[in-house]
N, C-alpha and C. Protein backbone atom coordinates (compact mmCIF):
# COMPACT_ATOMS: atom_id res chain seq x y z
N MET A 1 15.66 -10.48 -9.21
CA MET A 1 15.22 -10.36 -7.87
C MET A 1 14.39 -10.77 -7.62
N LYS A 2 14.88 -11.81 -6.75
CA LYS A 2 14.13 -13.01 -6.02
C LYS A 2 12.81 -12.63 -4.72
N LYS A 3 12.76 -11.54 -4.21
CA LYS A 3 12.12 -10.95 -3.30
C LYS A 3 11.00 -10.17 -3.74
N ASN A 4 9.98 -9.75 -3.09
CA ASN A 4 9.42 -8.92 -3.88
C ASN A 4 9.42 -7.61 -2.59
N ILE A 5 8.72 -6.42 -3.56
CA ILE A 5 9.08 -5.02 -2.63
C ILE A 5 7.99 -4.85 -2.53
N VAL A 6 7.13 -4.75 -0.75
CA VAL A 6 5.32 -4.56 -0.72
C VAL A 6 5.25 -2.97 -0.03
N LEU A 7 5.01 -2.08 -0.76
CA LEU A 7 4.87 -0.91 -0.25
C LEU A 7 3.67 -0.66 0.61
N CYS A 8 3.55 -0.10 1.50
CA CYS A 8 2.36 0.42 2.48
C CYS A 8 2.36 1.60 3.10
N GLY A 9 1.52 2.24 3.38
CA GLY A 9 1.50 3.75 3.54
C GLY A 9 -0.24 3.90 4.00
N PHE A 10 0.03 5.55 4.18
CA PHE A 10 -1.78 5.80 4.49
C PHE A 10 -1.53 6.33 3.09
N MET A 11 -3.05 6.62 2.01
CA MET A 11 -3.53 6.77 1.22
C MET A 11 -3.07 8.21 0.80
N GLY A 12 -2.67 8.42 -0.39
CA GLY A 12 -1.86 9.34 -0.54
C GLY A 12 -0.61 9.95 -0.18
N SER A 13 0.24 8.37 0.18
CA SER A 13 1.22 8.40 0.69
C SER A 13 2.21 8.21 -0.78
N GLY A 14 2.09 8.03 -1.60
CA GLY A 14 2.89 7.98 -2.83
C GLY A 14 2.89 6.08 -3.08
N LYS A 15 2.18 5.50 -2.69
CA LYS A 15 2.89 3.97 -2.75
C LYS A 15 2.64 3.27 -4.49
N SER A 16 1.75 4.38 -5.29
CA SER A 16 1.54 3.92 -6.35
C SER A 16 2.44 4.31 -7.44
N THR A 17 2.68 5.98 -6.67
CA THR A 17 4.08 6.68 -7.62
C THR A 17 5.42 5.98 -7.53
N VAL A 18 5.54 5.77 -6.25
CA VAL A 18 6.85 4.93 -5.86
C VAL A 18 7.00 3.34 -6.61
N GLY A 19 5.82 2.76 -6.49
CA GLY A 19 5.99 1.75 -7.19
C GLY A 19 6.31 1.72 -8.73
N LYS A 20 5.55 2.47 -9.33
CA LYS A 20 5.74 2.07 -11.03
C LYS A 20 7.04 2.71 -10.64
N MET A 21 7.76 3.83 -10.42
CA MET A 21 9.41 4.11 -10.53
C MET A 21 10.47 2.72 -10.24
N LEU A 22 10.06 2.42 -8.85
CA LEU A 22 10.88 1.29 -8.71
C LEU A 22 11.05 0.02 -9.92
N SER A 23 9.51 -0.22 -10.32
CA SER A 23 9.49 -1.36 -10.92
C SER A 23 10.00 -1.24 -12.22
N LYS A 24 9.60 0.48 -12.99
CA LYS A 24 10.80 0.61 -14.30
C LYS A 24 12.47 0.46 -13.61
N LYS A 25 13.08 0.97 -12.72
CA LYS A 25 14.31 0.71 -12.59
C LYS A 25 14.76 -0.36 -12.30
N LEU A 26 13.96 -1.22 -11.63
CA LEU A 26 14.00 -2.98 -11.67
C LEU A 26 14.08 -4.26 -12.91
N GLY A 27 13.03 -3.32 -13.58
CA GLY A 27 12.80 -4.11 -14.40
C GLY A 27 11.50 -5.07 -14.29
N CYS A 28 10.78 -4.62 -13.23
CA CYS A 28 10.15 -6.13 -12.51
C CYS A 28 8.17 -5.31 -12.59
N PRO A 29 7.78 -6.52 -12.74
CA PRO A 29 6.30 -5.89 -12.59
C PRO A 29 5.67 -5.36 -11.36
N TYR A 30 5.16 -4.11 -11.79
CA TYR A 30 4.32 -3.62 -10.99
C TYR A 30 2.97 -4.17 -10.64
N ILE A 31 2.45 -4.00 -9.19
CA ILE A 31 0.67 -4.98 -9.26
C ILE A 31 0.76 -3.62 -7.73
N ASP A 32 -0.64 -2.84 -8.49
CA ASP A 32 -1.24 -2.40 -7.28
C ASP A 32 -2.21 -2.94 -6.75
N MET A 33 -2.57 -3.22 -5.22
CA MET A 33 -2.90 -4.38 -4.79
C MET A 33 -4.76 -4.07 -4.74
N ASP A 34 -5.15 -2.85 -4.87
CA ASP A 34 -6.35 -2.26 -5.17
C ASP A 34 -7.03 -2.31 -6.81
N LYS A 35 -5.91 -2.50 -7.65
CA LYS A 35 -6.55 -2.83 -8.59
C LYS A 35 -6.29 -4.23 -9.49
N TYR A 36 -5.72 -4.76 -8.78
CA TYR A 36 -6.00 -6.27 -8.59
C TYR A 36 -7.22 -6.70 -8.06
N ILE A 37 -7.32 -6.67 -6.92
CA ILE A 37 -8.77 -6.72 -6.15
C ILE A 37 -10.24 -6.31 -7.40
N GLU A 38 -10.20 -4.87 -8.11
CA GLU A 38 -11.10 -4.38 -8.68
C GLU A 38 -10.80 -5.25 -9.95
N ASP A 39 -9.70 -5.85 -10.82
CA ASP A 39 -9.94 -7.07 -11.60
C ASP A 39 -10.61 -8.12 -11.08
N VAL A 40 -9.84 -9.05 -10.18
CA VAL A 40 -10.67 -9.74 -10.09
C VAL A 40 -11.85 -10.16 -9.53
N CYS A 41 -12.64 -8.98 -9.00
CA CYS A 41 -14.05 -8.77 -8.60
C CYS A 41 -15.17 -8.35 -9.82
N GLN A 42 -14.37 -7.35 -10.97
CA GLN A 42 -14.79 -6.52 -12.29
C GLN A 42 -15.84 -5.92 -11.52
N MET A 43 -15.42 -5.18 -10.39
CA MET A 43 -16.32 -3.62 -9.77
C MET A 43 -15.11 -2.75 -8.77
N THR A 44 -15.20 -1.64 -9.07
CA THR A 44 -14.33 -0.83 -8.46
C THR A 44 -14.59 -0.91 -6.89
N ILE A 45 -13.59 -0.39 -6.40
CA ILE A 45 -13.41 -0.21 -4.91
C ILE A 45 -14.72 0.09 -4.74
N PRO A 46 -15.12 1.93 -5.03
CA PRO A 46 -16.42 2.07 -4.79
C PRO A 46 -17.49 0.83 -4.35
N GLN A 47 -17.62 0.40 -6.08
CA GLN A 47 -18.78 -0.19 -6.04
C GLN A 47 -18.54 -1.65 -5.14
N ILE A 48 -17.39 -2.36 -4.68
CA ILE A 48 -17.16 -3.17 -3.95
C ILE A 48 -17.38 -2.56 -2.48
N PHE A 49 -17.16 -1.36 -2.17
CA PHE A 49 -17.78 -0.66 -0.84
C PHE A 49 -19.40 -1.03 -0.53
N GLU A 50 -20.10 -0.50 -1.64
CA GLU A 50 -21.43 -0.07 -2.16
C GLU A 50 -21.90 -1.45 -1.78
N LYS A 51 -21.62 -2.59 -2.47
CA LYS A 51 -22.34 -3.97 -2.45
C LYS A 51 -21.82 -4.74 -1.17
N TYR A 52 -20.51 -4.81 -0.81
CA TYR A 52 -20.53 -5.78 0.12
C TYR A 52 -19.97 -5.10 1.37
N GLY A 53 -19.54 -3.67 1.29
CA GLY A 53 -19.22 -3.21 2.88
C GLY A 53 -18.29 -3.18 2.91
N GLU A 54 -17.27 -2.34 3.97
CA GLU A 54 -16.22 -2.44 4.23
C GLU A 54 -15.71 -3.92 4.69
N ASP A 55 -16.18 -4.42 5.39
CA ASP A 55 -16.22 -5.96 5.74
C ASP A 55 -15.87 -6.90 4.88
N GLY A 56 -16.68 -6.96 4.10
CA GLY A 56 -16.92 -7.41 2.26
C GLY A 56 -15.31 -7.06 1.43
N PHE A 57 -14.93 -6.01 1.34
CA PHE A 57 -14.08 -5.38 0.53
C PHE A 57 -12.53 -6.24 2.04
N ARG A 58 -12.65 -5.94 2.70
CA ARG A 58 -11.52 -6.49 3.61
C ARG A 58 -11.23 -7.74 3.29
N GLU A 59 -12.32 -8.76 3.08
CA GLU A 59 -12.00 -10.24 2.74
C GLU A 59 -11.67 -10.43 1.48
N PHE A 60 -12.05 -9.60 0.40
CA PHE A 60 -11.42 -9.44 -1.10
C PHE A 60 -9.97 -9.36 -0.75
N GLU A 61 -9.74 -8.06 -0.24
CA GLU A 61 -7.85 -7.73 0.19
C GLU A 61 -7.28 -8.94 0.70
N HIS A 62 -7.59 -9.89 1.65
CA HIS A 62 -6.97 -10.99 2.44
C HIS A 62 -7.15 -12.08 1.08
N GLU A 63 -7.72 -11.94 0.73
CA GLU A 63 -7.73 -13.08 -0.37
C GLU A 63 -6.28 -12.79 -1.27
N ALA A 64 -6.76 -11.31 -1.64
CA ALA A 64 -5.64 -10.85 -2.60
C ALA A 64 -4.01 -11.13 -2.08
N ALA A 65 -4.11 -10.75 -0.89
CA ALA A 65 -2.50 -10.97 -0.06
C ALA A 65 -2.15 -12.03 -0.11
N GLN A 66 -3.21 -13.15 0.26
CA GLN A 66 -2.23 -14.54 0.18
C GLN A 66 -1.88 -14.63 -1.56
N SER A 67 -2.78 -14.10 -2.40
CA SER A 67 -2.28 -14.71 -3.78
C SER A 67 -1.34 -13.95 -3.99
N LEU A 68 -1.09 -12.70 -4.02
CA LEU A 68 0.02 -12.29 -4.50
C LEU A 68 1.48 -11.66 -3.72
N GLY A 69 1.15 -12.46 -1.93
CA GLY A 69 2.17 -12.77 -1.21
C GLY A 69 3.29 -14.11 -1.88
N LYS A 70 2.57 -14.92 -3.07
CA LYS A 70 2.89 -16.17 -3.72
C LYS A 70 4.07 -15.88 -4.98
N LEU A 71 3.99 -14.32 -5.28
CA LEU A 71 4.96 -14.04 -6.27
C LEU A 71 6.09 -13.70 -5.73
N ASN A 72 7.29 -13.78 -7.16
CA ASN A 72 8.59 -13.47 -6.50
C ASN A 72 8.83 -12.14 -7.79
N GLY A 73 10.12 -11.32 -6.87
CA GLY A 73 10.31 -10.15 -8.18
C GLY A 73 9.31 -9.35 -8.36
N ALA A 74 8.42 -8.95 -7.89
CA ALA A 74 7.21 -8.12 -8.18
C ALA A 74 7.58 -6.57 -6.82
N VAL A 75 7.17 -5.55 -7.67
CA VAL A 75 6.63 -4.30 -6.49
C VAL A 75 5.22 -4.22 -6.40
N ILE A 76 4.81 -4.17 -5.13
CA ILE A 76 3.07 -4.57 -4.61
C ILE A 76 3.05 -3.36 -3.91
N ALA A 77 1.78 -2.07 -4.36
CA ALA A 77 1.43 -1.54 -3.90
C ALA A 77 0.38 -1.54 -2.97
N THR A 78 0.34 -1.83 -1.73
CA THR A 78 -1.24 -2.41 -1.03
C THR A 78 -1.59 -1.17 -0.95
N GLY A 79 -3.00 -1.65 -0.35
CA GLY A 79 -4.39 -0.71 -0.30
C GLY A 79 -3.40 -0.01 1.28
N GLY A 80 -4.07 1.11 1.99
CA GLY A 80 -3.96 2.18 2.62
C GLY A 80 -4.51 1.51 4.28
N GLY A 81 -5.30 0.38 3.80
CA GLY A 81 -5.76 -0.75 5.15
C GLY A 81 -5.09 -1.85 5.28
N ALA A 82 -4.51 -2.12 4.45
CA ALA A 82 -4.42 -3.60 3.88
C ALA A 82 -3.04 -4.69 4.66
N LEU A 83 -2.55 -3.61 5.36
CA LEU A 83 -1.48 -4.12 6.63
C LEU A 83 -1.36 -3.87 8.25
N THR A 84 -3.16 -3.17 8.06
CA THR A 84 -3.04 -3.15 9.27
C THR A 84 -4.38 -4.51 9.65
N PHE A 85 -3.92 -5.30 9.00
CA PHE A 85 -4.82 -6.18 9.83
C PHE A 85 -3.58 -7.41 9.66
N GLU A 86 -3.36 -8.31 11.01
CA GLU A 86 -2.27 -9.18 11.05
C GLU A 86 -2.70 -10.45 10.09
N ARG A 87 -3.66 -10.64 9.66
CA ARG A 87 -3.93 -11.52 8.52
C ARG A 87 -2.83 -11.14 7.36
N ASN A 88 -3.03 -10.14 7.00
CA ASN A 88 -2.60 -9.70 5.73
C ASN A 88 -0.98 -9.79 5.23
N ILE A 89 -0.65 -9.69 7.04
CA ILE A 89 1.29 -9.29 7.21
C ILE A 89 1.86 -10.42 6.25
N ALA A 90 1.45 -11.66 7.57
CA ALA A 90 2.51 -12.75 7.04
C ALA A 90 2.31 -13.63 5.45
N PRO A 91 1.45 -13.14 4.95
CA PRO A 91 1.46 -13.83 3.33
C PRO A 91 2.34 -12.42 2.80
N LEU A 92 2.24 -11.57 2.77
CA LEU A 92 2.90 -10.75 2.32
C LEU A 92 4.22 -10.17 2.50
N SER A 93 4.75 -11.03 3.71
CA SER A 93 6.21 -10.59 4.01
C SER A 93 6.26 -11.94 3.92
N GLN A 94 6.22 -12.96 3.59
CA GLN A 94 7.00 -14.36 3.73
C GLN A 94 8.22 -14.45 2.33
N ASN A 95 7.81 -13.69 1.38
CA ASN A 95 8.89 -13.76 0.47
C ASN A 95 9.41 -11.98 -0.08
N SER A 96 9.10 -11.08 0.75
CA SER A 96 8.95 -9.70 0.41
C SER A 96 9.72 -8.74 1.80
N PHE A 97 10.40 -7.72 1.30
CA PHE A 97 10.70 -6.30 1.72
C PHE A 97 9.41 -5.37 2.24
N ILE A 98 9.02 -5.65 3.40
CA ILE A 98 7.68 -4.62 3.04
C ILE A 98 7.98 -3.23 3.86
N VAL A 99 7.71 -2.16 2.88
CA VAL A 99 8.61 -0.82 3.00
C VAL A 99 7.51 0.26 3.49
N TYR A 100 7.68 0.97 4.63
CA TYR A 100 6.12 2.06 5.30
C TYR A 100 7.03 3.59 4.37
N LEU A 101 6.30 3.85 3.80
CA LEU A 101 6.05 5.06 2.77
C LEU A 101 5.80 6.06 4.18
N ASN A 102 6.81 6.82 4.58
CA ASN A 102 6.12 7.78 5.36
C ASN A 102 6.11 9.12 5.39
N ILE A 103 4.76 9.45 5.23
CA ILE A 103 4.64 10.66 4.58
C ILE A 103 3.73 11.64 5.78
N ASP A 104 4.11 13.22 6.22
CA ASP A 104 2.81 13.56 6.72
C ASP A 104 1.53 13.61 6.11
N PHE A 105 0.69 13.48 7.25
CA PHE A 105 -0.41 13.53 7.18
C PHE A 105 -1.19 15.03 6.33
N ASP A 106 -0.62 15.79 6.88
CA ASP A 106 -1.40 16.82 5.84
C ASP A 106 -1.14 16.93 4.38
N VAL A 107 -0.02 16.30 4.09
CA VAL A 107 0.15 16.08 2.52
C VAL A 107 -0.49 14.76 2.02
N CYS A 108 -1.22 13.83 2.73
CA CYS A 108 -1.76 12.55 2.60
C CYS A 108 -2.86 13.72 2.37
N TYR A 109 -3.36 14.25 3.01
CA TYR A 109 -5.11 14.58 3.08
C TYR A 109 -4.93 15.68 1.91
N ASP A 110 -4.02 16.22 1.64
CA ASP A 110 -4.34 17.12 0.19
C ASP A 110 -4.59 16.95 -0.69
N ARG A 111 -3.32 15.18 -1.09
CA ARG A 111 -3.65 14.73 -2.07
C ARG A 111 -5.40 13.85 -2.03
N ILE A 112 -6.02 13.44 -1.05
CA ILE A 112 -6.99 12.69 -0.97
C ILE A 112 -7.93 12.99 -0.85
N LYS A 113 -8.13 14.24 -0.23
CA LYS A 113 -9.29 15.09 -0.01
C LYS A 113 -10.74 15.18 -0.81
N ALA A 114 -10.10 15.53 -2.20
CA ALA A 114 -11.23 15.50 -3.42
C ALA A 114 -11.61 14.03 -4.05
N SER A 115 -10.86 13.17 -3.40
CA SER A 115 -10.79 11.50 -4.08
C SER A 115 -12.69 10.82 -3.76
N ASP A 116 -12.37 9.85 -4.78
CA ASP A 116 -14.24 9.52 -4.49
C ASP A 116 -14.14 7.96 -3.59
N ARG A 117 -12.40 7.89 -2.43
CA ARG A 117 -12.57 6.86 -2.04
C ARG A 117 -13.50 6.85 -0.83
N PRO A 118 -13.87 5.78 -0.86
CA PRO A 118 -14.84 5.18 0.39
C PRO A 118 -14.72 6.26 1.95
N LEU A 119 -13.39 5.71 2.16
CA LEU A 119 -13.25 6.08 3.43
C LEU A 119 -12.95 7.69 3.65
N VAL A 120 -12.58 8.08 2.25
CA VAL A 120 -12.23 9.65 2.75
C VAL A 120 -13.95 10.32 2.83
N LYS A 121 -14.23 10.13 1.68
CA LYS A 121 -15.81 10.44 1.73
C LYS A 121 -17.12 10.21 2.98
N SER A 122 -16.71 9.25 3.44
CA SER A 122 -17.44 9.00 4.53
C SER A 122 -16.92 9.37 6.21
N ASN A 123 -15.87 9.68 5.86
CA ASN A 123 -15.36 10.52 6.93
C ASN A 123 -14.43 11.42 7.12
N SER A 124 -14.35 12.80 8.26
CA SER A 124 -14.27 14.16 8.19
C SER A 124 -12.33 14.09 8.39
N ARG A 125 -12.30 14.98 8.09
CA ARG A 125 -10.50 15.34 8.38
C ARG A 125 -9.84 15.03 9.78
N ASP A 126 -10.65 15.10 11.23
CA ASP A 126 -9.87 14.59 12.03
C ASP A 126 -10.42 13.18 12.38
N LYS A 127 -11.37 12.69 11.50
CA LYS A 127 -11.69 10.79 11.79
C LYS A 127 -10.41 10.41 10.89
N LEU A 128 -9.94 10.79 9.79
CA LEU A 128 -9.06 10.90 8.67
C LEU A 128 -7.74 11.00 9.68
N LYS A 129 -7.64 11.82 10.34
CA LYS A 129 -5.92 12.00 11.18
C LYS A 129 -5.52 11.31 12.27
N GLU A 130 -7.14 10.69 12.81
CA GLU A 130 -7.09 9.44 14.12
C GLU A 130 -6.68 8.46 12.84
N MET A 131 -7.04 7.81 12.09
CA MET A 131 -6.95 6.40 11.16
C MET A 131 -5.75 6.68 11.02
N TYR A 132 -5.11 8.05 10.00
CA TYR A 132 -3.44 8.46 9.85
C TYR A 132 -2.80 7.33 11.35
N MET A 133 -3.17 7.88 12.60
CA MET A 133 -2.10 7.64 13.65
C MET A 133 -2.49 5.92 13.95
N THR A 134 -3.49 5.66 13.74
CA THR A 134 -3.47 4.34 14.12
C THR A 134 -3.06 3.53 13.07
N ARG A 135 -2.85 3.44 11.81
CA ARG A 135 -2.46 2.97 10.72
C ARG A 135 -0.68 3.28 10.73
N ASP A 136 -0.28 4.42 10.99
CA ASP A 136 1.41 4.40 11.43
C ASP A 136 1.49 3.36 12.33
N LYS A 137 1.58 3.22 13.58
CA LYS A 137 1.49 1.94 13.95
C LYS A 137 1.53 0.62 13.92
N ALA A 138 0.73 0.20 12.92
CA ALA A 138 0.37 -1.32 12.09
C ALA A 138 1.37 -0.89 10.77
N TYR A 139 1.61 -0.24 10.44
CA TYR A 139 2.64 0.00 9.41
C TYR A 139 4.33 -0.13 9.62
N ARG A 140 4.37 0.34 11.17
CA ARG A 140 5.98 0.22 11.26
C ARG A 140 5.87 -0.96 12.09
N ARG A 141 5.01 -1.45 12.59
CA ARG A 141 5.32 -2.98 12.91
C ARG A 141 5.53 -4.00 11.89
N ALA A 142 4.64 -3.78 10.97
CA ALA A 142 4.77 -4.77 9.36
C ALA A 142 6.36 -4.40 8.69
N ALA A 143 6.53 -3.20 8.84
CA ALA A 143 7.79 -2.69 7.81
C ALA A 143 9.10 -3.37 8.43
N ALA A 144 9.89 -3.68 7.67
CA ALA A 144 11.03 -4.05 7.73
C ALA A 144 12.26 -2.85 7.24
N PHE A 145 11.67 -1.82 6.14
CA PHE A 145 12.09 -1.07 6.38
C PHE A 145 11.41 0.58 6.22
N ILE A 146 11.50 1.74 6.62
CA ILE A 146 11.01 2.77 6.64
C ILE A 146 11.57 4.04 5.74
N THR A 147 11.07 4.67 5.04
CA THR A 147 11.34 5.93 4.18
C THR A 147 10.28 6.93 4.24
N VAL A 148 11.27 7.99 4.19
CA VAL A 148 10.19 9.32 4.88
C VAL A 148 10.36 9.96 3.57
N ASN A 149 9.18 9.66 3.02
CA ASN A 149 8.94 10.25 1.59
C ASN A 149 7.64 11.67 1.44
N THR A 150 8.98 12.94 2.29
CA THR A 150 8.59 13.75 2.33
C THR A 150 9.08 15.19 0.99
N ASP A 151 10.00 14.80 0.20
CA ASP A 151 10.75 15.60 -0.51
C ASP A 151 10.20 15.40 -2.01
N SER A 152 10.33 13.94 -2.61
CA SER A 152 9.84 13.67 -4.09
C SER A 152 9.73 12.19 -3.54
N SER A 153 8.80 11.61 -4.94
CA SER A 153 8.68 10.17 -4.78
C SER A 153 10.05 9.46 -5.22
N GLN A 154 11.02 10.24 -6.60
CA GLN A 154 12.08 10.18 -6.42
C GLN A 154 12.64 9.75 -5.43
N LYS A 155 13.52 10.52 -4.65
CA LYS A 155 13.93 10.05 -3.41
C LYS A 155 13.85 9.56 -2.93
N ALA A 156 12.52 9.14 -2.66
CA ALA A 156 12.06 7.78 -1.91
C ALA A 156 11.87 6.58 -2.62
N ALA A 157 12.25 6.56 -4.16
CA ALA A 157 12.29 5.33 -4.68
C ALA A 157 13.57 4.62 -4.15
N ASP A 158 14.61 5.85 -4.69
CA ASP A 158 16.01 5.91 -4.65
C ASP A 158 16.61 5.08 -3.46
N ASP A 159 16.12 6.02 -2.11
CA ASP A 159 15.98 5.28 -1.02
C ASP A 159 16.14 3.96 -0.51
N ILE A 160 14.60 3.78 -1.14
CA ILE A 160 14.25 1.74 -1.13
C ILE A 160 15.61 1.39 -1.80
N LEU A 161 15.73 1.49 -3.37
CA LEU A 161 16.97 0.76 -3.85
C LEU A 161 18.09 0.73 -2.92
N ASP A 162 18.52 2.05 -2.24
CA ASP A 162 19.60 2.19 -1.78
C ASP A 162 20.15 1.00 -0.39
N ASN A 163 18.97 0.76 0.10
CA ASN A 163 18.90 0.08 1.62
C ASN A 163 18.71 -1.23 1.30
N LEU A 164 17.73 -1.32 -0.06
CA LEU A 164 17.85 -2.87 -0.65
C LEU A 164 18.58 -3.64 -1.28
N LYS A 165 19.32 -2.80 -2.31
CA LYS A 165 19.63 -3.56 -3.20
C LYS A 165 20.25 -4.56 -2.69
N ASP A 166 21.01 -4.82 -1.60
CA ASP A 166 21.42 -6.28 -1.48
C ASP A 166 21.03 -7.40 -0.80
N LYS A 167 19.63 -6.92 -0.82
CA LYS A 167 18.92 -7.97 -0.15
C LYS A 167 17.83 -8.58 -1.12
N LEU A 168 17.79 -8.12 -2.46
CA LEU A 168 16.42 -8.49 -3.54
C LEU A 168 16.86 -9.12 -4.02
C-alpha cells in the first residue's frame, strides 16, 4: 500500500473502529490523529483544550496534519473537526484517499453524549446537530469517497476496501 487512507466524519461516526479494522485487513499502521496529538503534547485532548483553548488545539492539529500527510501506507483517523479547516486538507490528501464515514447524527449523538469530549461537554444537542450539518459539507468537499456507516463498522470497512482496492 503506497497511499494512506484518511478517515473523516463527525464525532462518534466510527473512524477509530473502522480505521483499526482497515489497518488489520491491510497489514498497515493505524494512527489516530487525536492520540498522535496527545502523544506529541503529552496531554489529553481535554487538557489541551483547557490549557490552550480550541484555537491552540487546532494549531496542534494542523501540525499533526502536516506530519501525518508525509506518511505512506497508513490508515489515519482524523479528529472530527480536522478536515473542516482547508489548511489541513492539502497535507492530508497529498498522498491519501480521504474517506468520509457518513452516519446519521442521532447515532453519533448516542455514542458521544456521555463522553468527556470538550465540544460535547460545552455544547447542547441542538448546537452539536448544527455543527454536524456544517461539518457534513466540509467532509463532502474533502472526501474522495463517501461510505454510509449505518449498518456496521465491518460493512463500512469492506465498502472502503472494495472501492479503493485498485487505487492503494
